[in-house]
Amino acid sequence: MADVQTNTIQTEIPVGLLTQAQKLVEAGWFRSLDEVLLDALRRFLESHRVELMEEFIRQDVEWGLHGDE
């Protein structure tokens, strides 16, 4: 992925989830833990895209009706 801007985040992950993710890397399904987490986040966002867009539309409508109260 050339010329992709990235940010580093720090978070806490339950031990059980981390262990499962590490097993995927060890089994060769992913090259790194970073790749597992990026794929999981990408899949989550793709599967919730409709809900996200609906929420953004609701917020825009609310702002349009009431402004920055």
PDB file of N, CA and C in Angstrom:
ATOM      1  N   MET A   1       0.851  -1.180   0.000  1.00  0.00           N
ATOM      2  CA  MET A   1       0.000   0.000   0.000  1.00  0.00           C
ATOM      3  C   MET A   1       0.893   1.238   0.000  1.00  0.00           C
ATOM      4  N   ALA A   2       1.229   1.698  -1.143  1.00  0.00           N
ATOM      5  CA  ALA A   2       2.109   2.851  -1.266  1.00  0.00           C
ATOM      6  C   ALA A   2       1.358   4.141  -0.971  1.00  0.00           C
ATOM      7  N   ASP A   3       2.042   5.056  -0.327  1.00  0.00           N
ATOM      8  CA  ASP A   3       1.517   6.392  -0.050  1.00  0.00           C
ATOM      9  C   ASP A   3       0.231   6.400   0.773  1.00  0.00           C
ATOM     10  N   VAL A   4       0.030   5.422   1.631  1.00  0.00           N
ATOM     11  CA  VAL A   4      -1.134   5.394   2.514  1.00  0.00           C
ATOM     12  C   VAL A   4      -0.708   5.985   3.850  1.00  0.00           C
ATOM     13  N   GLN A   5      -1.401   7.030   4.262  1.00  0.00           N
ATOM     14  CA  GLN A   5      -1.089   7.623   5.554  1.00  0.00           C
ATOM     15  C   GLN A   5      -1.637   6.729   6.658  1.00  0.00           C
ATOM     16  N   THR A   6      -0.883   6.584   7.730  1.00  0.00           N
ATOM     17  CA  THR A   6      -1.322   5.757   8.836  1.00  0.00           C
ATOM     18  C   THR A   6      -1.153   6.497  10.153  1.00  0.00           C
ATOM     19  N   ASN A   7      -1.859   6.036  11.142  1.00  0.00           N
ATOM     20  CA  ASN A   7      -1.729   6.502  12.517  1.00  0.00           C
ATOM     21  C   ASN A   7      -1.514   5.288  13.397  1.00  0.00           C
ATOM     22  N   THR A   8      -0.846   5.489  14.489  1.00  0.00           N
ATOM     23  CA  THR A   8      -0.641   4.432  15.467  1.00  0.00           C
ATOM     24  C   THR A   8      -1.597   4.668  16.621  1.00  0.00           C
ATOM     25  N   ILE A   9      -2.262   3.587  17.055  1.00  0.00           N
ATOM     26  CA  ILE A   9      -3.153   3.685  18.204  1.00  0.00           C
ATOM     27  C   ILE A   9      -2.713   2.668  19.245  1.00  0.00           C
ATOM     28  N   GLN A  10      -3.094   2.921  20.468  1.00  0.00           N
ATOM     29  CA  GLN A  10      -2.828   1.974  21.552  1.00  0.00           C
ATOM     30  C   GLN A  10      -4.167   1.599  22.156  1.00  0.00           C
ATOM     31  N   THR A  11      -4.381   0.307  22.366  1.00  0.00           N
ATOM     32  CA  THR A  11      -5.639  -0.147  22.922  1.00  0.00           C
ATOM     33  C   THR A  11      -5.413  -1.380  23.779  1.00  0.00           C
ATOM     34  N   GLU A  12      -6.406  -1.724  24.554  1.00  0.00           N
ATOM     35  CA  GLU A  12      -6.353  -2.944  25.352  1.00  0.00           C
ATOM     36  C   GLU A  12      -7.227  -3.989  24.684  1.00  0.00           C
ATOM     37  N   ILE A  13      -6.702  -5.211  24.605  1.00  0.00           N
ATOM     38  CA  ILE A  13      -7.411  -6.313  23.967  1.00  0.00           C
ATOM     39  C   ILE A  13      -7.529  -7.447  24.984  1.00  0.00           C
ATOM     40  N   PRO A  14      -8.711  -8.008  25.158  1.00  0.00           N
ATOM     41  CA  PRO A  14      -8.838  -9.154  26.065  1.00  0.00           C
ATOM     42  C   PRO A  14      -7.877 -10.282  25.663  1.00  0.00           C
ATOM     43  N   VAL A  15      -7.308 -10.943  26.645  1.00  0.00           N
ATOM     44  CA  VAL A  15      -6.302 -11.978  26.417  1.00  0.00           C
ATOM     45  C   VAL A  15      -6.818 -13.054  25.459  1.00  0.00           C
ATOM     46  N   GLY A  16      -8.064 -13.456  25.620  1.00  0.00           N
ATOM     47  CA  GLY A  16      -8.619 -14.501  24.756  1.00  0.00           C
ATOM     48  C   GLY A  16      -8.634 -14.106  23.284  1.00  0.00           C
ATOM     49  N   LEU A  17      -9.017 -12.863  22.999  1.00  0.00           N
ATOM     50  CA  LEU A  17      -9.026 -12.398  21.614  1.00  0.00           C
ATOM     51  C   LEU A  17      -7.619 -12.301  21.056  1.00  0.00           C
ATOM     52  N   LEU A  18      -6.699 -11.811  21.865  1.00  0.00           N
ATOM     53  CA  LEU A  18      -5.310 -11.696  21.427  1.00  0.00           C
ATOM     54  C   LEU A  18      -4.726 -13.072  21.122  1.00  0.00           C
ATOM     55  N   THR A  19      -5.016 -14.027  21.970  1.00  0.00           N
ATOM     56  CA  THR A  19      -4.525 -15.389  21.765  1.00  0.00           C
ATOM     57  C   THR A  19      -5.054 -15.964  20.453  1.00  0.00           C
ATOM     58  N   GLN A  20      -6.340 -15.763  20.188  1.00  0.00           N
ATOM     59  CA  GLN A  20      -6.927 -16.250  18.939  1.00  0.00           C
ATOM     60  C   GLN A  20      -6.285 -15.586  17.730  1.00  0.00           C
ATOM     61  N   ALA A  21      -6.051 -14.278  17.818  1.00  0.00           N
ATOM     62  CA  ALA A  21      -5.423 -13.549  16.715  1.00  0.00           C
ATOM     63  C   ALA A  21      -4.000 -14.046  16.485  1.00  0.00           C
ATOM     64  N   GLN A  22      -3.265 -14.267  17.555  1.00  0.00           N
ATOM     65  CA  GLN A  22      -1.892 -14.760  17.428  1.00  0.00           C
ATOM     66  C   GLN A  22      -1.858 -16.154  16.795  1.00  0.00           C
ATOM     67  N   LYS A  23      -2.848 -16.983  17.110  1.00  0.00           N
ATOM     68  CA  LYS A  23      -2.918 -18.317  16.513  1.00  0.00           C
ATOM     69  C   LYS A  23      -3.144 -18.232  15.006  1.00  0.00           C
ATOM     70  N   LEU A  24      -3.911 -17.251  14.557  1.00  0.00           N
ATOM     71  CA  LEU A  24      -4.121 -17.060  13.119  1.00  0.00           C
ATOM     72  C   LEU A  24      -2.810 -16.708  12.423  1.00  0.00           C
ATOM     73  N   VAL A  25      -2.014 -15.877  13.072  1.00  0.00           N
ATOM     74  CA  VAL A  25      -0.702 -15.506  12.516  1.00  0.00           C
ATOM     75  C   VAL A  25       0.205 -16.734  12.495  1.00  0.00           C
ATOM     76  N   GLU A  26       0.256 -17.465  13.597  1.00  0.00           N
ATOM     77  CA  GLU A  26       1.108 -18.659  13.689  1.00  0.00           C
ATOM     78  C   GLU A  26       0.709 -19.717  12.655  1.00  0.00           C
ATOM     79  N   ALA A  27      -0.585 -19.798  12.345  1.00  0.00           N
ATOM     80  CA  ALA A  27      -1.074 -20.775  11.373  1.00  0.00           C
ATOM     81  C   ALA A  27      -0.842 -20.322   9.934  1.00  0.00           C
ATOM     82  N   GLY A  28      -0.382 -19.088   9.761  1.00  0.00           N
ATOM     83  CA  GLY A  28      -0.084 -18.596   8.422  1.00  0.00           C
ATOM     84  C   GLY A  28      -1.230 -17.894   7.715  1.00  0.00           C
ATOM     85  N   TRP A  29      -2.330 -17.670   8.413  1.00  0.00           N
ATOM     86  CA  TRP A  29      -3.471 -16.994   7.796  1.00  0.00           C
ATOM     87  C   TRP A  29      -3.191 -15.513   7.593  1.00  0.00           C
ATOM     88  N   PHE A  30      -2.355 -14.934   8.442  1.00  0.00           N
ATOM     89  CA  PHE A  30      -1.967 -13.527   8.354  1.00  0.00           C
ATOM     90  C   PHE A  30      -0.466 -13.428   8.593  1.00  0.00           C
ATOM     91  N   ARG A  31       0.155 -12.372   8.053  1.00  0.00           N
ATOM     92  CA  ARG A  31       1.594 -12.183   8.229  1.00  0.00           C
ATOM     93  C   ARG A  31       1.945 -11.595   9.588  1.00  0.00           C
ATOM     94  N   SER A  32       0.995 -10.846  10.176  1.00  0.00           N
ATOM     95  CA  SER A  32       1.297 -10.178  11.444  1.00  0.00           C
ATOM     96  C   SER A  32       0.008  -9.904  12.207  1.00  0.00           C
ATOM     97  N   LEU A  33       0.183  -9.584  13.474  1.00  0.00           N
ATOM     98  CA  LEU A  33      -0.962  -9.207  14.298  1.00  0.00           C
ATOM     99  C   LEU A  33      -1.597  -7.922  13.764  1.00  0.00           C
ATOM    100  N   ASP A  34      -0.779  -6.998  13.281  1.00  0.00           N
ATOM    101  CA  ASP A  34      -1.306  -5.760  12.677  1.00  0.00           C
ATOM    102  C   ASP A  34      -2.265  -6.088  11.539  1.00  0.00           C
ATOM    103  N   GLU A  35      -1.875  -7.054  10.697  1.00  0.00           N
ATOM    104  CA  GLU A  35      -2.715  -7.429   9.562  1.00  0.00           C
ATOM    105  C   GLU A  35      -4.049  -8.015  10.030  1.00  0.00           C
ATOM    106  N   VAL A  36      -4.034  -8.821  11.088  1.00  0.00           N
ATOM    107  CA  VAL A  36      -5.267  -9.383  11.641  1.00  0.00           C
ATOM    108  C   VAL A  36      -6.195  -8.259  12.088  1.00  0.00           C
ATOM    109  N   LEU A  37      -5.642  -7.311  12.845  1.00  0.00           N
ATOM    110  CA  LEU A  37      -6.455  -6.229  13.389  1.00  0.00           C
ATOM    111  C   LEU A  37      -6.992  -5.313  12.300  1.00  0.00           C
ATOM    112  N   LEU A  38      -6.175  -5.005  11.302  1.00  0.00           N
ATOM    113  CA  LEU A  38      -6.646  -4.174  10.190  1.00  0.00           C
ATOM    114  C   LEU A  38      -7.771  -4.864   9.426  1.00  0.00           C
ATOM    115  N   ASP A  39      -7.618  -6.164   9.181  1.00  0.00           N
ATOM    116  CA  ASP A  39      -8.659  -6.905   8.471  1.00  0.00           C
ATOM    117  C   ASP A  39      -9.951  -6.938   9.275  1.00  0.00           C
ATOM    118  N   ALA A  40      -9.827  -7.147  10.588  1.00  0.00           N
ATOM    119  CA  ALA A  40     -11.017  -7.183  11.442  1.00  0.00           C
ATOM    120  C   ALA A  40     -11.725  -5.835  11.442  1.00  0.00           C
ATOM    121  N   LEU A  41     -10.963  -4.748  11.555  1.00  0.00           N
ATOM    122  CA  LEU A  41     -11.570  -3.417  11.547  1.00  0.00           C
ATOM    123  C   LEU A  41     -12.215  -3.122  10.200  1.00  0.00           C
ATOM    124  N   ARG A  42     -11.528  -3.463   9.119  1.00  0.00           N
ATOM    125  CA  ARG A  42     -12.071  -3.234   7.773  1.00  0.00           C
ATOM    126  C   ARG A  42     -13.384  -3.991   7.593  1.00  0.00           C
ATOM    127  N   ARG A  43     -13.422  -5.265   8.000  1.00  0.00           N
ATOM    128  CA  ARG A  43     -14.640  -6.067   7.862  1.00  0.00           C
ATOM    129  C   ARG A  43     -15.779  -5.515   8.724  1.00  0.00           C
ATOM    130  N   PHE A  44     -15.459  -5.068   9.934  1.00  0.00           N
ATOM    131  CA  PHE A  44     -16.479  -4.492  10.807  1.00  0.00           C
ATOM    132  C   PHE A  44     -17.083  -3.246  10.166  1.00  0.00           C
ATOM    133  N   LEU A  45     -16.230  -2.362   9.678  1.00  0.00           N
ATOM    134  CA  LEU A  45     -16.728  -1.124   9.078  1.00  0.00           C
ATOM    135  C   LEU A  45     -17.538  -1.394   7.814  1.00  0.00           C
ATOM    136  N   GLU A  46     -17.099  -2.344   7.006  1.00  0.00           N
ATOM    137  CA  GLU A  46     -17.859  -2.692   5.807  1.00  0.00           C
ATOM    138  C   GLU A  46     -19.224  -3.260   6.155  1.00  0.00           C
ATOM    139  N   SER A  47     -19.300  -4.062   7.197  1.00  0.00           N
ATOM    140  CA  SER A  47     -20.570  -4.695   7.555  1.00  0.00           C
ATOM    141  C   SER A  47     -21.514  -3.734   8.270  1.00  0.00           C
ATOM    142  N   HIS A  48     -21.014  -2.614   8.747  1.00  0.00           N
ATOM    143  CA  HIS A  48     -21.845  -1.637   9.448  1.00  0.00           C
ATOM    144  C   HIS A  48     -21.970  -0.315   8.684  1.00  0.00           C
ATOM    145  N   ARG A  49     -21.612  -0.320   7.420  1.00  0.00           N
ATOM    146  CA  ARG A  49     -21.622   0.893   6.607  1.00  0.00           C
ATOM    147  C   ARG A  49     -23.007   1.543   6.559  1.00  0.00           C
ATOM    148  N   VAL A  50     -24.052   0.763   6.378  1.00  0.00           N
ATOM    149  CA  VAL A  50     -25.413   1.309   6.290  1.00  0.00           C
ATOM    150  C   VAL A  50     -25.783   2.014   7.596  1.00  0.00           C
ATOM    151  N   GLU A  51     -25.496   1.351   8.713  1.00  0.00           N
ATOM    152  CA  GLU A  51     -25.820   1.950  10.004  1.00  0.00           C
ATOM    153  C   GLU A  51     -25.046   3.247  10.218  1.00  0.00           C
ATOM    154  N   LEU A  52     -23.776   3.251   9.810  1.00  0.00           N
ATOM    155  CA  LEU A  52     -22.964   4.461   9.955  1.00  0.00           C
ATOM    156  C   LEU A  52     -23.528   5.604   9.113  1.00  0.00           C
ATOM    157  N   MET A  53     -23.876   5.311   7.876  1.00  0.00           N
ATOM    158  CA  MET A  53     -24.400   6.353   6.995  1.00  0.00           C
ATOM    159  C   MET A  53     -25.737   6.885   7.513  1.00  0.00           C
ATOM    160  N   GLU A  54     -26.580   5.998   8.005  1.00  0.00           N
ATOM    161  CA  GLU A  54     -27.858   6.439   8.559  1.00  0.00           C
ATOM    162  C   GLU A  54     -27.641   7.358   9.756  1.00  0.00           C
ATOM    163  N   GLU A  55     -26.678   7.035  10.599  1.00  0.00           N
ATOM    164  CA  GLU A  55     -26.395   7.881  11.755  1.00  0.00           C
ATOM    165  C   GLU A  55     -25.876   9.252  11.309  1.00  0.00           C
ATOM    166  N   PHE A  56     -25.005   9.291  10.312  1.00  0.00           N
ATOM    167  CA  PHE A  56     -24.497  10.568   9.808  1.00  0.00           C
ATOM    168  C   PHE A  56     -25.635  11.412   9.237  1.00  0.00           C
ATOM    169  N   ILE A  57     -26.562  10.767   8.528  1.00  0.00           N
ATOM    170  CA  ILE A  57     -27.707  11.485   7.963  1.00  0.00           C
ATOM    171  C   ILE A  57     -28.585  12.033   9.082  1.00  0.00           C
ATOM    172  N   ARG A  58     -28.850  11.220  10.111  1.00  0.00           N
ATOM    173  CA  ARG A  58     -29.650  11.689  11.248  1.00  0.00           C
ATOM    174  C   ARG A  58     -28.998  12.910  11.909  1.00  0.00           C
ATOM    175  N   GLN A  59     -27.674  12.851  12.085  1.00  0.00           N
ATOM    176  CA  GLN A  59     -26.960  13.966  12.697  1.00  0.00           C
ATOM    177  C   GLN A  59     -27.062  15.221  11.830  1.00  0.00           C
ATOM    178  N   ASP A  60     -26.933  15.064  10.515  1.00  0.00           N
ATOM    179  CA  ASP A  60     -27.050  16.206   9.606  1.00  0.00           C
ATOM    180  C   ASP A  60     -28.452  16.819   9.664  1.00  0.00           C
ATOM    181  N   VAL A  61     -29.475  15.959   9.672  1.00  0.00           N
ATOM    182  CA  VAL A  61     -30.853  16.447   9.743  1.00  0.00           C
ATOM    183  C   VAL A  61     -31.075  17.175  11.056  1.00  0.00           C
ATOM    184  N   GLU A  62     -30.599  16.590  12.137  1.00  0.00           N
ATOM    185  CA  GLU A  62     -30.747  17.209  13.458  1.00  0.00           C
ATOM    186  C   GLU A  62     -30.062  18.571  13.486  1.00  0.00           C
ATOM    187  N   TRP A  63     -28.866  18.648  12.930  1.00  0.00           N
ATOM    188  CA  TRP A  63     -28.149  19.921  12.872  1.00  0.00           C
ATOM    189  C   TRP A  63     -28.928  20.920  12.015  1.00  0.00           C
ATOM    190  N   GLY A  64     -29.474  20.437  10.874  1.00  0.00           N
ATOM    191  CA  GLY A  64     -30.238  21.317   9.989  1.00  0.00           C
ATOM    192  C   GLY A  64     -31.495  21.862  10.655  1.00  0.00           C
ATOM    193  N   LEU A  65     -32.114  21.059  11.501  1.00  0.00           N
ATOM    194  CA  LEU A  65     -33.333  21.484  12.174  1.00  0.00           C
ATOM    195  C   LEU A  65     -33.055  22.383  13.375  1.00  0.00           C
ATOM    196  N   HIS A  66     -31.968  22.098  14.084  1.00  0.00           N
ATOM    197  CA  HIS A  66     -31.740  22.794  15.348  1.00  0.00           C
ATOM    198  C   HIS A  66     -30.426  23.565  15.416  1.00  0.00           C
ATOM    199  N   GLY A  67     -29.539  23.370  14.456  1.00  0.00           N
ATOM    200  CA  GLY A  67     -28.267  24.080  14.476  1.00  0.00           C
ATOM    201  C   GLY A  67     -27.383  23.646  15.630  1.00  0.00           C
ATOM    202  N   ASP A  68     -26.460  24.505  15.998  1.00  0.00           N
ATOM    203  CA  ASP A  68     -25.533  24.227  17.104  1.00  0.00           C
ATOM    204  C   ASP A  68     -26.081  24.794  18.387  1.00  0.00           C
ATOM    205  N   GLU A  69     -27.084  24.170  18.924  1.00  0.00           N
ATOM    206  CA  GLU A  69     -27.705  24.686  20.153  1.00  0.00           C
ATOM    207  C   GLU A  69     -26.819  24.523  21.332  1.00  0.00           C
TER     208      GLU A  69
END
